[in-house]
Amino acid sequence: MDEMTIPQSDFDRLLFFEAARKTAENTYAVNPEDADNLTRWGGALLELSQFQQGSDCVKMVKDAVSKLEEALKVSPNKHDTLWCLGNAHTSHAFLIPEHEVAKIYFRMASQYFQQAVEQDPTNELYQKSLELTEKAPELHLEVHKQIFNPQSVAAGSSTVSNLKGSKKKKNSDLKYDIMGWIVLAVGIVAWVGMAKSHVPPPPML
């Protein structure tokens, strides 16, 4: 994404989570078995994926999954890691056009959300995430129907280039709308974790 097109609040968030990612990477070099750090790293990557497009976005989500799975190897019942993994698989699912394939990732997300709820039954955020993921496949269908709706393409060869630009913007806007509710709370996890590490926070959004 072109930095010039990012609102200031989003640009601040981009800088914050890039700093979080670098801090986590440095901490990992010292202690590769710090589950909290690996979870913050995965959460930061998931947030940063919002600022990527296409295959770069998918790659960053996969990197986030890798870090979170590594955290679970260290601490298998860590509920915030389980919850972040649910978010990561949900994000990945929305990036996949094929509905049947996306449903596989939604099912994995639901399993991780369920495990998070079992580990921390009073956490309303985990419960809400589990409820939302049940509706996610239906939303996936609706979103990709809008993206590929042929009625959105007007007639006339002279408007083709403009349509391509507007369609790309529409697709991008849809992606951010979808992923916003998924990863916003992940950012809170990373934010709190960074605060505990005594890193000065950016200006409040």
N, C-alpha and C. Protein backbone atom coordinates (compact mmCIF):
# COMPACT_ATOMS: atom_id res chain seq x y z
N MET A 1 0.84 -1.20 0.00
CA MET A 1 0.00 0.00 0.00
C MET A 1 0.87 1.24 0.00
N ASP A 2 0.45 2.20 -0.76
CA ASP A 2 1.18 3.48 -0.82
C ASP A 2 0.97 4.23 0.49
N GLU A 3 2.08 4.57 1.15
CA GLU A 3 1.99 5.23 2.45
C GLU A 3 1.23 6.55 2.36
N MET A 4 1.26 7.20 1.16
CA MET A 4 0.61 8.50 1.02
C MET A 4 -0.91 8.38 1.10
N THR A 5 -1.44 7.15 0.86
CA THR A 5 -2.90 6.96 0.87
C THR A 5 -3.41 6.49 2.23
N ILE A 6 -2.53 6.27 3.18
CA ILE A 6 -2.94 5.76 4.48
C ILE A 6 -3.32 6.92 5.40
N PRO A 7 -4.50 6.87 6.01
CA PRO A 7 -4.85 7.89 7.01
C PRO A 7 -3.82 7.91 8.13
N GLN A 8 -3.66 9.06 8.76
CA GLN A 8 -2.62 9.21 9.78
C GLN A 8 -2.77 8.17 10.90
N SER A 9 -4.01 7.91 11.31
CA SER A 9 -4.24 6.95 12.41
C SER A 9 -3.76 5.56 12.00
N ASP A 10 -4.02 5.17 10.74
CA ASP A 10 -3.56 3.87 10.27
C ASP A 10 -2.05 3.83 10.12
N PHE A 11 -1.48 4.96 9.69
CA PHE A 11 -0.03 5.02 9.53
C PHE A 11 0.66 4.87 10.88
N ASP A 12 0.08 5.49 11.91
CA ASP A 12 0.62 5.34 13.27
C ASP A 12 0.57 3.88 13.70
N ARG A 13 -0.54 3.22 13.35
CA ARG A 13 -0.70 1.81 13.73
C ARG A 13 0.31 0.94 12.97
N LEU A 14 0.52 1.27 11.70
CA LEU A 14 1.51 0.54 10.91
C LEU A 14 2.90 0.65 11.55
N LEU A 15 3.28 1.86 11.93
CA LEU A 15 4.59 2.07 12.56
C LEU A 15 4.69 1.32 13.88
N PHE A 16 3.59 1.35 14.65
CA PHE A 16 3.60 0.71 15.96
C PHE A 16 3.82 -0.80 15.83
N PHE A 17 3.06 -1.43 14.93
CA PHE A 17 3.16 -2.88 14.83
C PHE A 17 4.41 -3.33 14.10
N GLU A 18 4.97 -2.47 13.27
CA GLU A 18 6.26 -2.79 12.68
C GLU A 18 7.33 -2.77 13.77
N ALA A 19 7.22 -1.81 14.68
CA ALA A 19 8.15 -1.76 15.82
C ALA A 19 7.95 -2.99 16.71
N ALA A 20 6.69 -3.38 16.90
CA ALA A 20 6.39 -4.57 17.71
C ALA A 20 6.99 -5.82 17.08
N ARG A 21 6.88 -5.91 15.77
CA ARG A 21 7.45 -7.06 15.06
C ARG A 21 8.97 -7.13 15.24
N LYS A 22 9.63 -5.98 15.09
CA LYS A 22 11.09 -5.95 15.22
C LYS A 22 11.53 -6.28 16.65
N THR A 23 10.79 -5.77 17.62
CA THR A 23 11.11 -6.06 19.02
C THR A 23 10.96 -7.55 19.30
N ALA A 24 9.89 -8.14 18.78
CA ALA A 24 9.65 -9.57 18.98
C ALA A 24 10.74 -10.40 18.31
N GLU A 25 11.15 -9.97 17.13
CA GLU A 25 12.21 -10.69 16.41
C GLU A 25 13.52 -10.66 17.20
N ASN A 26 13.84 -9.50 17.79
CA ASN A 26 15.06 -9.38 18.59
C ASN A 26 14.97 -10.22 19.85
N THR A 27 13.80 -10.21 20.48
CA THR A 27 13.60 -11.00 21.69
C THR A 27 13.72 -12.50 21.40
N TYR A 28 13.19 -12.89 20.24
CA TYR A 28 13.25 -14.30 19.84
C TYR A 28 14.69 -14.77 19.69
N ALA A 29 15.56 -13.88 19.20
CA ALA A 29 16.97 -14.24 19.01
C ALA A 29 17.63 -14.56 20.34
N VAL A 30 17.13 -13.92 21.41
CA VAL A 30 17.68 -14.15 22.75
C VAL A 30 17.01 -15.34 23.43
N ASN A 31 15.67 -15.43 23.26
CA ASN A 31 14.90 -16.49 23.91
C ASN A 31 13.83 -17.00 22.95
N PRO A 32 14.13 -18.03 22.18
CA PRO A 32 13.18 -18.54 21.18
C PRO A 32 11.99 -19.29 21.77
N GLU A 33 12.00 -19.52 23.09
CA GLU A 33 10.91 -20.28 23.71
C GLU A 33 10.04 -19.40 24.62
N ASP A 34 9.97 -18.13 24.30
CA ASP A 34 9.10 -17.20 25.03
C ASP A 34 7.75 -17.18 24.32
N ALA A 35 6.77 -17.89 24.89
CA ALA A 35 5.46 -18.01 24.24
C ALA A 35 4.74 -16.66 24.14
N ASP A 36 4.89 -15.82 25.15
CA ASP A 36 4.27 -14.49 25.10
C ASP A 36 4.84 -13.68 23.94
N ASN A 37 6.15 -13.74 23.78
CA ASN A 37 6.79 -12.99 22.70
C ASN A 37 6.36 -13.52 21.33
N LEU A 38 6.29 -14.83 21.19
CA LEU A 38 5.87 -15.42 19.92
C LEU A 38 4.43 -15.03 19.60
N THR A 39 3.59 -14.95 20.63
CA THR A 39 2.20 -14.55 20.42
C THR A 39 2.13 -13.09 19.98
N ARG A 40 2.93 -12.23 20.61
CA ARG A 40 2.97 -10.82 20.20
C ARG A 40 3.47 -10.69 18.77
N TRP A 41 4.46 -11.50 18.42
CA TRP A 41 5.01 -11.48 17.07
C TRP A 41 3.93 -11.88 16.06
N GLY A 42 3.24 -12.97 16.34
CA GLY A 42 2.17 -13.40 15.45
C GLY A 42 1.07 -12.37 15.34
N GLY A 43 0.70 -11.76 16.47
CA GLY A 43 -0.34 -10.73 16.46
C GLY A 43 0.07 -9.51 15.65
N ALA A 44 1.34 -9.12 15.78
CA ALA A 44 1.85 -7.97 15.02
C ALA A 44 1.83 -8.26 13.52
N LEU A 45 2.24 -9.47 13.14
CA LEU A 45 2.22 -9.84 11.73
C LEU A 45 0.80 -9.85 11.17
N LEU A 46 -0.14 -10.31 11.98
CA LEU A 46 -1.52 -10.34 11.54
C LEU A 46 -2.06 -8.93 11.32
N GLU A 47 -1.69 -8.02 12.21
CA GLU A 47 -2.08 -6.62 12.03
C GLU A 47 -1.43 -6.04 10.77
N LEU A 48 -0.14 -6.30 10.61
CA LEU A 48 0.59 -5.75 9.46
C LEU A 48 0.07 -6.30 8.14
N SER A 49 -0.51 -7.49 8.17
CA SER A 49 -1.02 -8.08 6.93
C SER A 49 -2.12 -7.22 6.31
N GLN A 50 -2.80 -6.43 7.13
CA GLN A 50 -3.85 -5.54 6.61
C GLN A 50 -3.31 -4.52 5.62
N PHE A 51 -2.03 -4.22 5.77
CA PHE A 51 -1.42 -3.19 4.93
C PHE A 51 -0.77 -3.78 3.68
N GLN A 52 -0.95 -5.10 3.49
CA GLN A 52 -0.40 -5.77 2.32
C GLN A 52 -1.54 -6.10 1.35
N GLN A 53 -1.16 -6.48 0.14
CA GLN A 53 -2.16 -6.84 -0.86
C GLN A 53 -1.82 -8.18 -1.48
N GLY A 54 -2.84 -8.87 -1.95
CA GLY A 54 -2.66 -10.10 -2.70
C GLY A 54 -1.83 -11.15 -1.98
N SER A 55 -0.85 -11.71 -2.72
CA SER A 55 -0.04 -12.81 -2.19
C SER A 55 0.81 -12.36 -1.00
N ASP A 56 1.19 -11.08 -0.95
CA ASP A 56 1.98 -10.58 0.18
C ASP A 56 1.16 -10.63 1.46
N CYS A 57 -0.13 -10.32 1.34
CA CYS A 57 -1.02 -10.37 2.49
C CYS A 57 -1.16 -11.81 2.99
N VAL A 58 -1.38 -12.74 2.07
CA VAL A 58 -1.53 -14.16 2.43
C VAL A 58 -0.25 -14.67 3.09
N LYS A 59 0.90 -14.31 2.52
CA LYS A 59 2.18 -14.76 3.07
C LYS A 59 2.36 -14.28 4.51
N MET A 60 1.99 -13.03 4.78
CA MET A 60 2.16 -12.49 6.12
C MET A 60 1.22 -13.17 7.12
N VAL A 61 0.01 -13.49 6.66
CA VAL A 61 -0.93 -14.22 7.52
C VAL A 61 -0.36 -15.60 7.84
N LYS A 62 0.21 -16.25 6.83
CA LYS A 62 0.82 -17.57 7.05
C LYS A 62 2.00 -17.48 8.02
N ASP A 63 2.78 -16.42 7.90
CA ASP A 63 3.90 -16.20 8.83
C ASP A 63 3.38 -16.03 10.26
N ALA A 64 2.26 -15.32 10.38
CA ALA A 64 1.65 -15.14 11.70
C ALA A 64 1.23 -16.48 12.28
N VAL A 65 0.60 -17.31 11.45
CA VAL A 65 0.18 -18.65 11.89
C VAL A 65 1.39 -19.46 12.36
N SER A 66 2.48 -19.37 11.62
CA SER A 66 3.69 -20.12 11.98
C SER A 66 4.21 -19.72 13.36
N LYS A 67 4.25 -18.42 13.63
CA LYS A 67 4.73 -17.95 14.93
C LYS A 67 3.79 -18.37 16.06
N LEU A 68 2.50 -18.31 15.80
CA LEU A 68 1.51 -18.67 16.83
C LEU A 68 1.54 -20.17 17.11
N GLU A 69 1.73 -20.96 16.07
CA GLU A 69 1.83 -22.41 16.27
C GLU A 69 3.10 -22.74 17.06
N GLU A 70 4.14 -21.98 16.81
CA GLU A 70 5.39 -22.18 17.57
C GLU A 70 5.17 -21.85 19.04
N ALA A 71 4.38 -20.81 19.30
CA ALA A 71 4.06 -20.44 20.69
C ALA A 71 3.28 -21.56 21.38
N LEU A 72 2.38 -22.20 20.65
CA LEU A 72 1.58 -23.28 21.24
C LEU A 72 2.43 -24.52 21.55
N LYS A 73 3.50 -24.71 20.78
CA LYS A 73 4.41 -25.82 21.10
C LYS A 73 5.07 -25.61 22.46
N VAL A 74 5.30 -24.34 22.79
CA VAL A 74 5.91 -24.00 24.08
C VAL A 74 4.86 -24.05 25.19
N SER A 75 3.68 -23.51 24.89
CA SER A 75 2.61 -23.43 25.89
C SER A 75 1.28 -23.83 25.22
N PRO A 76 0.95 -25.13 25.19
CA PRO A 76 -0.19 -25.64 24.41
C PRO A 76 -1.55 -25.09 24.81
N ASN A 77 -1.71 -24.68 26.06
CA ASN A 77 -3.03 -24.22 26.52
C ASN A 77 -3.12 -22.70 26.67
N LYS A 78 -2.22 -21.99 26.04
CA LYS A 78 -2.19 -20.52 26.15
C LYS A 78 -3.40 -19.94 25.39
N HIS A 79 -4.36 -19.42 26.14
CA HIS A 79 -5.64 -19.06 25.53
C HIS A 79 -5.55 -17.88 24.56
N ASP A 80 -4.70 -16.89 24.85
CA ASP A 80 -4.61 -15.76 23.92
C ASP A 80 -3.96 -16.17 22.60
N THR A 81 -3.04 -17.15 22.66
CA THR A 81 -2.44 -17.66 21.43
C THR A 81 -3.47 -18.44 20.62
N LEU A 82 -4.25 -19.27 21.30
CA LEU A 82 -5.32 -20.02 20.63
C LEU A 82 -6.29 -19.08 19.93
N TRP A 83 -6.62 -18.00 20.63
CA TRP A 83 -7.57 -17.03 20.07
C TRP A 83 -6.96 -16.31 18.86
N CYS A 84 -5.70 -15.93 18.95
CA CYS A 84 -5.03 -15.27 17.83
C CYS A 84 -4.96 -16.20 16.62
N LEU A 85 -4.74 -17.49 16.87
CA LEU A 85 -4.70 -18.45 15.77
C LEU A 85 -6.06 -18.55 15.09
N GLY A 86 -7.11 -18.48 15.88
CA GLY A 86 -8.45 -18.46 15.31
C GLY A 86 -8.63 -17.27 14.39
N ASN A 87 -8.15 -16.12 14.82
CA ASN A 87 -8.21 -14.90 13.99
C ASN A 87 -7.40 -15.05 12.71
N ALA A 88 -6.23 -15.65 12.84
CA ALA A 88 -5.35 -15.81 11.68
C ALA A 88 -6.01 -16.70 10.63
N HIS A 89 -6.60 -17.81 11.06
CA HIS A 89 -7.25 -18.72 10.11
C HIS A 89 -8.50 -18.07 9.50
N THR A 90 -9.19 -17.26 10.29
CA THR A 90 -10.34 -16.54 9.76
C THR A 90 -9.89 -15.55 8.69
N SER A 91 -8.82 -14.82 8.97
CA SER A 91 -8.28 -13.86 8.00
C SER A 91 -7.89 -14.57 6.71
N HIS A 92 -7.20 -15.70 6.86
CA HIS A 92 -6.76 -16.46 5.69
C HIS A 92 -7.97 -16.91 4.86
N ALA A 93 -9.01 -17.38 5.54
CA ALA A 93 -10.20 -17.86 4.84
C ALA A 93 -10.83 -16.78 3.97
N PHE A 94 -10.90 -15.57 4.49
CA PHE A 94 -11.52 -14.48 3.73
C PHE A 94 -10.69 -14.09 2.50
N LEU A 95 -9.42 -14.43 2.51
CA LEU A 95 -8.55 -14.11 1.37
C LEU A 95 -8.61 -15.17 0.28
N ILE A 96 -9.32 -16.27 0.54
CA ILE A 96 -9.41 -17.37 -0.42
C ILE A 96 -10.72 -17.28 -1.19
N PRO A 97 -10.67 -17.16 -2.52
CA PRO A 97 -11.91 -17.05 -3.30
C PRO A 97 -12.76 -18.32 -3.28
N GLU A 98 -12.11 -19.50 -3.27
CA GLU A 98 -12.85 -20.76 -3.33
C GLU A 98 -13.55 -21.02 -2.00
N HIS A 99 -14.88 -21.06 -2.05
CA HIS A 99 -15.66 -21.13 -0.82
C HIS A 99 -15.40 -22.42 -0.03
N GLU A 100 -15.33 -23.55 -0.72
CA GLU A 100 -15.15 -24.83 -0.03
C GLU A 100 -13.80 -24.88 0.68
N VAL A 101 -12.78 -24.29 0.06
CA VAL A 101 -11.45 -24.24 0.69
C VAL A 101 -11.50 -23.30 1.89
N ALA A 102 -12.15 -22.16 1.72
CA ALA A 102 -12.26 -21.20 2.82
C ALA A 102 -12.95 -21.82 4.03
N LYS A 103 -13.94 -22.67 3.78
CA LYS A 103 -14.68 -23.30 4.88
C LYS A 103 -13.76 -24.16 5.75
N ILE A 104 -12.74 -24.74 5.16
CA ILE A 104 -11.78 -25.54 5.94
C ILE A 104 -11.08 -24.66 6.97
N TYR A 105 -10.69 -23.46 6.54
CA TYR A 105 -10.00 -22.54 7.45
C TYR A 105 -10.96 -21.99 8.50
N PHE A 106 -12.21 -21.77 8.11
CA PHE A 106 -13.20 -21.33 9.10
C PHE A 106 -13.40 -22.40 10.18
N ARG A 107 -13.40 -23.68 9.77
CA ARG A 107 -13.55 -24.75 10.75
C ARG A 107 -12.36 -24.80 11.71
N MET A 108 -11.16 -24.61 11.16
CA MET A 108 -9.98 -24.58 12.03
C MET A 108 -10.06 -23.40 12.99
N ALA A 109 -10.50 -22.24 12.48
CA ALA A 109 -10.64 -21.06 13.33
C ALA A 109 -11.61 -21.34 14.46
N SER A 110 -12.74 -21.97 14.14
CA SER A 110 -13.75 -22.28 15.15
C SER A 110 -13.18 -23.19 16.24
N GLN A 111 -12.37 -24.16 15.83
CA GLN A 111 -11.76 -25.08 16.80
C GLN A 111 -10.84 -24.33 17.77
N TYR A 112 -10.05 -23.41 17.22
CA TYR A 112 -9.14 -22.65 18.08
C TYR A 112 -9.91 -21.71 19.01
N PHE A 113 -10.96 -21.08 18.48
CA PHE A 113 -11.78 -20.21 19.33
C PHE A 113 -12.43 -21.03 20.46
N GLN A 114 -12.89 -22.23 20.11
CA GLN A 114 -13.51 -23.10 21.11
C GLN A 114 -12.51 -23.46 22.21
N GLN A 115 -11.29 -23.78 21.81
CA GLN A 115 -10.25 -24.11 22.80
C GLN A 115 -9.93 -22.90 23.68
N ALA A 116 -9.92 -21.71 23.08
CA ALA A 116 -9.65 -20.50 23.85
C ALA A 116 -10.75 -20.29 24.90
N VAL A 117 -12.00 -20.51 24.49
CA VAL A 117 -13.12 -20.38 25.42
C VAL A 117 -13.01 -21.40 26.55
N GLU A 118 -12.61 -22.62 26.22
CA GLU A 118 -12.47 -23.66 27.23
C GLU A 118 -11.38 -23.30 28.25
N GLN A 119 -10.33 -22.65 27.78
CA GLN A 119 -9.24 -22.27 28.69
C GLN A 119 -9.58 -21.03 29.51
N ASP A 120 -10.45 -20.16 28.98
CA ASP A 120 -10.83 -18.92 29.68
C ASP A 120 -12.32 -18.67 29.44
N PRO A 121 -13.18 -19.43 30.15
CA PRO A 121 -14.63 -19.41 29.87
C PRO A 121 -15.31 -18.07 30.10
N THR A 122 -14.73 -17.20 30.90
CA THR A 122 -15.38 -15.92 31.21
C THR A 122 -15.02 -14.81 30.23
N ASN A 123 -14.16 -15.11 29.28
CA ASN A 123 -13.70 -14.09 28.34
C ASN A 123 -14.76 -13.85 27.26
N GLU A 124 -15.41 -12.71 27.32
CA GLU A 124 -16.50 -12.40 26.39
C GLU A 124 -16.00 -12.25 24.96
N LEU A 125 -14.78 -11.75 24.79
CA LEU A 125 -14.22 -11.58 23.45
C LEU A 125 -14.05 -12.93 22.75
N TYR A 126 -13.58 -13.92 23.50
CA TYR A 126 -13.40 -15.25 22.93
C TYR A 126 -14.76 -15.84 22.53
N GLN A 127 -15.74 -15.65 23.41
CA GLN A 127 -17.08 -16.17 23.13
C GLN A 127 -17.69 -15.51 21.90
N LYS A 128 -17.48 -14.20 21.79
CA LYS A 128 -18.01 -13.46 20.64
C LYS A 128 -17.33 -13.91 19.35
N SER A 129 -16.03 -14.14 19.41
CA SER A 129 -15.30 -14.61 18.23
C SER A 129 -15.82 -15.96 17.77
N LEU A 130 -16.12 -16.84 18.72
CA LEU A 130 -16.66 -18.15 18.38
C LEU A 130 -18.02 -18.01 17.71
N GLU A 131 -18.84 -17.11 18.21
CA GLU A 131 -20.16 -16.87 17.59
C GLU A 131 -20.02 -16.31 16.18
N LEU A 132 -19.12 -15.36 16.01
CA LEU A 132 -18.93 -14.72 14.70
C LEU A 132 -18.43 -15.69 13.65
N THR A 133 -17.56 -16.60 14.07
CA THR A 133 -16.99 -17.51 13.08
C THR A 133 -18.03 -18.48 12.53
N GLU A 134 -19.11 -18.68 13.27
CA GLU A 134 -20.19 -19.53 12.76
C GLU A 134 -20.89 -18.85 11.58
N LYS A 135 -20.89 -17.52 11.57
CA LYS A 135 -21.54 -16.77 10.50
C LYS A 135 -20.57 -16.43 9.36
N ALA A 136 -19.29 -16.69 9.59
CA ALA A 136 -18.26 -16.28 8.64
C ALA A 136 -18.41 -16.89 7.24
N PRO A 137 -18.73 -18.20 7.11
CA PRO A 137 -18.87 -18.76 5.75
C PRO A 137 -19.94 -18.04 4.92
N GLU A 138 -21.04 -17.67 5.56
CA GLU A 138 -22.10 -16.94 4.85
C GLU A 138 -21.60 -15.57 4.41
N LEU A 139 -20.85 -14.90 5.29
CA LEU A 139 -20.29 -13.60 4.95
C LEU A 139 -19.28 -13.73 3.81
N HIS A 140 -18.50 -14.80 3.84
CA HIS A 140 -17.52 -15.06 2.79
C HIS A 140 -18.21 -15.14 1.43
N LEU A 141 -19.31 -15.86 1.36
CA LEU A 141 -20.06 -15.98 0.10
C LEU A 141 -20.53 -14.62 -0.38
N GLU A 142 -21.08 -13.84 0.53
CA GLU A 142 -21.62 -12.53 0.18
C GLU A 142 -20.52 -11.58 -0.31
N VAL A 143 -19.42 -11.59 0.39
CA VAL A 143 -18.31 -10.69 0.04
C VAL A 143 -17.75 -11.01 -1.34
N HIS A 144 -17.49 -12.29 -1.59
CA HIS A 144 -16.90 -12.65 -2.88
C HIS A 144 -17.91 -12.53 -4.02
N LYS A 145 -19.18 -12.60 -3.70
CA LYS A 145 -20.21 -12.35 -4.70
C LYS A 145 -20.16 -10.88 -5.12
N GLN A 146 -19.97 -9.99 -4.15
CA GLN A 146 -19.87 -8.56 -4.45
C GLN A 146 -18.61 -8.25 -5.26
N ILE A 147 -17.51 -8.89 -4.88
CA ILE A 147 -16.25 -8.62 -5.55
C ILE A 147 -16.32 -9.01 -7.03
N PHE A 148 -16.97 -10.12 -7.30
CA PHE A 148 -17.00 -10.63 -8.68
C PHE A 148 -18.34 -10.43 -9.36
N ASN A 149 -19.13 -9.50 -8.86
CA ASN A 149 -20.45 -9.24 -9.43
C ASN A 149 -20.30 -8.60 -10.81
N PRO A 150 -20.74 -9.29 -11.87
CA PRO A 150 -20.58 -8.72 -13.22
C PRO A 150 -21.38 -7.44 -13.43
N GLN A 151 -22.43 -7.23 -12.63
CA GLN A 151 -23.24 -6.02 -12.79
C GLN A 151 -22.46 -4.76 -12.42
N SER A 152 -21.35 -4.96 -11.70
CA SER A 152 -20.55 -3.79 -11.30
C SER A 152 -19.71 -3.26 -12.46
N VAL A 153 -19.66 -4.06 -13.56
CA VAL A 153 -18.88 -3.65 -14.72
C VAL A 153 -19.80 -2.97 -15.74
N ALA A 154 -19.58 -1.71 -16.00
CA ALA A 154 -20.41 -0.97 -16.94
C ALA A 154 -19.91 -1.18 -18.36
N ALA A 155 -20.80 -0.92 -19.34
CA ALA A 155 -20.42 -1.11 -20.74
C ALA A 155 -19.57 0.07 -21.21
N GLY A 156 -18.81 -0.20 -22.27
CA GLY A 156 -18.02 0.89 -22.85
C GLY A 156 -16.55 0.68 -22.67
N SER A 157 -15.83 0.52 -23.78
CA SER A 157 -14.40 0.24 -23.68
C SER A 157 -13.62 1.42 -23.12
N SER A 158 -14.14 2.62 -23.30
CA SER A 158 -13.40 3.80 -22.85
C SER A 158 -13.34 3.89 -21.33
N THR A 159 -14.21 3.13 -20.64
CA THR A 159 -14.23 3.20 -19.17
C THR A 159 -13.53 2.02 -18.52
N VAL A 160 -12.96 1.13 -19.33
CA VAL A 160 -12.37 -0.09 -18.79
C VAL A 160 -11.28 0.21 -17.77
N SER A 161 -10.36 1.12 -18.14
CA SER A 161 -9.25 1.41 -17.22
C SER A 161 -9.75 2.02 -15.92
N ASN A 162 -10.75 2.90 -16.01
CA ASN A 162 -11.31 3.50 -14.80
C ASN A 162 -11.99 2.44 -13.94
N LEU A 163 -12.68 1.52 -14.60
CA LEU A 163 -13.37 0.47 -13.87
C LEU A 163 -12.38 -0.41 -13.14
N LYS A 164 -11.28 -0.70 -13.79
CA LYS A 164 -10.27 -1.53 -13.14
C LYS A 164 -9.77 -0.88 -11.86
N GLY A 165 -9.55 0.42 -11.95
CA GLY A 165 -9.07 1.14 -10.77
C GLY A 165 -10.11 1.17 -9.67
N SER A 166 -11.37 1.44 -10.04
CA SER A 166 -12.43 1.54 -9.03
C SER A 166 -12.73 0.18 -8.44
N LYS A 167 -12.66 -0.88 -9.28
CA LYS A 167 -12.93 -2.22 -8.76
C LYS A 167 -11.84 -2.65 -7.79
N LYS A 168 -10.60 -2.30 -8.13
CA LYS A 168 -9.49 -2.62 -7.24
C LYS A 168 -9.67 -1.92 -5.91
N LYS A 169 -10.09 -0.67 -5.95
CA LYS A 169 -10.31 0.08 -4.71
C LYS A 169 -11.46 -0.54 -3.92
N LYS A 170 -12.53 -0.94 -4.63
CA LYS A 170 -13.67 -1.56 -3.96
C LYS A 170 -13.25 -2.86 -3.28
N ASN A 171 -12.48 -3.68 -3.99
CA ASN A 171 -12.01 -4.93 -3.42
C ASN A 171 -11.16 -4.67 -2.18
N SER A 172 -10.29 -3.67 -2.27
CA SER A 172 -9.43 -3.34 -1.15
C SER A 172 -10.25 -2.86 0.04
N ASP A 173 -11.23 -2.01 -0.22
CA ASP A 173 -12.09 -1.51 0.87
C ASP A 173 -12.82 -2.66 1.55
N LEU A 174 -13.32 -3.60 0.74
CA LEU A 174 -14.02 -4.74 1.31
C LEU A 174 -13.10 -5.56 2.20
N LYS A 175 -11.87 -5.73 1.72
CA LYS A 175 -10.92 -6.52 2.50
C LYS A 175 -10.67 -5.90 3.85
N TYR A 176 -10.51 -4.58 3.87
CA TYR A 176 -10.23 -3.92 5.14
C TYR A 176 -11.45 -3.92 6.06
N ASP A 177 -12.64 -3.83 5.47
CA ASP A 177 -13.86 -3.90 6.29
C ASP A 177 -13.95 -5.26 6.97
N ILE A 178 -13.68 -6.31 6.21
CA ILE A 178 -13.78 -7.67 6.75
C ILE A 178 -12.73 -7.89 7.82
N MET A 179 -11.49 -7.58 7.46
CA MET A 179 -10.39 -7.92 8.36
C MET A 179 -10.35 -7.01 9.57
N GLY A 180 -10.99 -5.86 9.46
CA GLY A 180 -10.96 -4.92 10.58
C GLY A 180 -11.49 -5.52 11.87
N TRP A 181 -12.65 -6.16 11.81
CA TRP A 181 -13.23 -6.72 13.04
C TRP A 181 -12.48 -7.95 13.51
N ILE A 182 -11.74 -8.58 12.57
CA ILE A 182 -10.99 -9.77 12.96
C ILE A 182 -9.74 -9.40 13.75
N VAL A 183 -8.97 -8.46 13.21
CA VAL A 183 -7.63 -8.24 13.77
C VAL A 183 -7.52 -7.05 14.72
N LEU A 184 -8.57 -6.26 14.82
CA LEU A 184 -8.48 -5.09 15.70
C LEU A 184 -8.15 -5.51 17.13
N ALA A 185 -8.85 -6.53 17.61
CA ALA A 185 -8.61 -6.97 18.99
C ALA A 185 -7.26 -7.67 19.13
N VAL A 186 -6.77 -8.27 18.05
CA VAL A 186 -5.43 -8.85 18.09
C VAL A 186 -4.42 -7.76 18.41
N GLY A 187 -4.67 -6.58 17.83
CA GLY A 187 -3.80 -5.44 18.09
C GLY A 187 -3.77 -5.06 19.55
N ILE A 188 -4.91 -5.21 20.21
CA ILE A 188 -4.98 -4.90 21.64
C ILE A 188 -4.07 -5.83 22.41
N VAL A 189 -4.06 -7.12 22.03
CA VAL A 189 -3.18 -8.10 22.69
C VAL A 189 -1.72 -7.69 22.55
N ALA A 190 -1.35 -7.37 21.30
CA ALA A 190 0.04 -6.97 21.05
C ALA A 190 0.37 -5.66 21.76
N TRP A 191 -0.61 -4.74 21.76
CA TRP A 191 -0.42 -3.43 22.38
C TRP A 191 -0.13 -3.59 23.88
N VAL A 192 -0.94 -4.41 24.54
CA VAL A 192 -0.76 -4.65 25.97
C VAL A 192 0.58 -5.32 26.22
N GLY A 193 0.90 -6.27 25.35
CA GLY A 193 2.17 -6.97 25.50
C GLY A 193 3.36 -6.04 25.36
N MET A 194 3.27 -5.12 24.42
CA MET A 194 4.36 -4.17 24.23
C MET A 194 4.44 -3.21 25.41
N ALA A 195 3.29 -2.83 25.94
CA ALA A 195 3.29 -1.93 27.10
C ALA A 195 3.99 -2.60 28.28
N LYS A 196 3.74 -3.91 28.42
CA LYS A 196 4.40 -4.65 29.51
C LYS A 196 5.91 -4.71 29.32
N SER A 197 6.31 -4.60 28.05
CA SER A 197 7.75 -4.61 27.75
C SER A 197 8.35 -3.22 27.86
N HIS A 198 7.55 -2.27 28.36
CA HIS A 198 8.00 -0.90 28.59
C HIS A 198 8.35 -0.16 27.30
N VAL A 199 7.66 -0.52 26.22
CA VAL A 199 7.83 0.23 24.98
C VAL A 199 6.82 1.36 24.96
N PRO A 200 7.24 2.59 24.74
CA PRO A 200 6.30 3.70 24.76
C PRO A 200 5.26 3.55 23.65
N PRO A 201 3.97 3.68 23.98
CA PRO A 201 2.93 3.51 22.97
C PRO A 201 2.85 4.72 22.05
N PRO A 202 2.28 4.54 20.86
CA PRO A 202 2.08 5.69 19.96
C PRO A 202 0.91 6.51 20.45
N PRO A 203 0.63 7.67 19.85
CA PRO A 203 -0.53 8.47 20.26
C PRO A 203 -1.80 7.66 20.13
N MET A 204 -2.72 7.83 21.05
CA MET A 204 -3.96 7.11 21.03
C MET A 204 -4.74 7.47 19.77
N LEU A 205 -5.37 6.47 19.14
CA LEU A 205 -6.10 6.68 17.90
C LEU A 205 -7.44 7.32 18.20
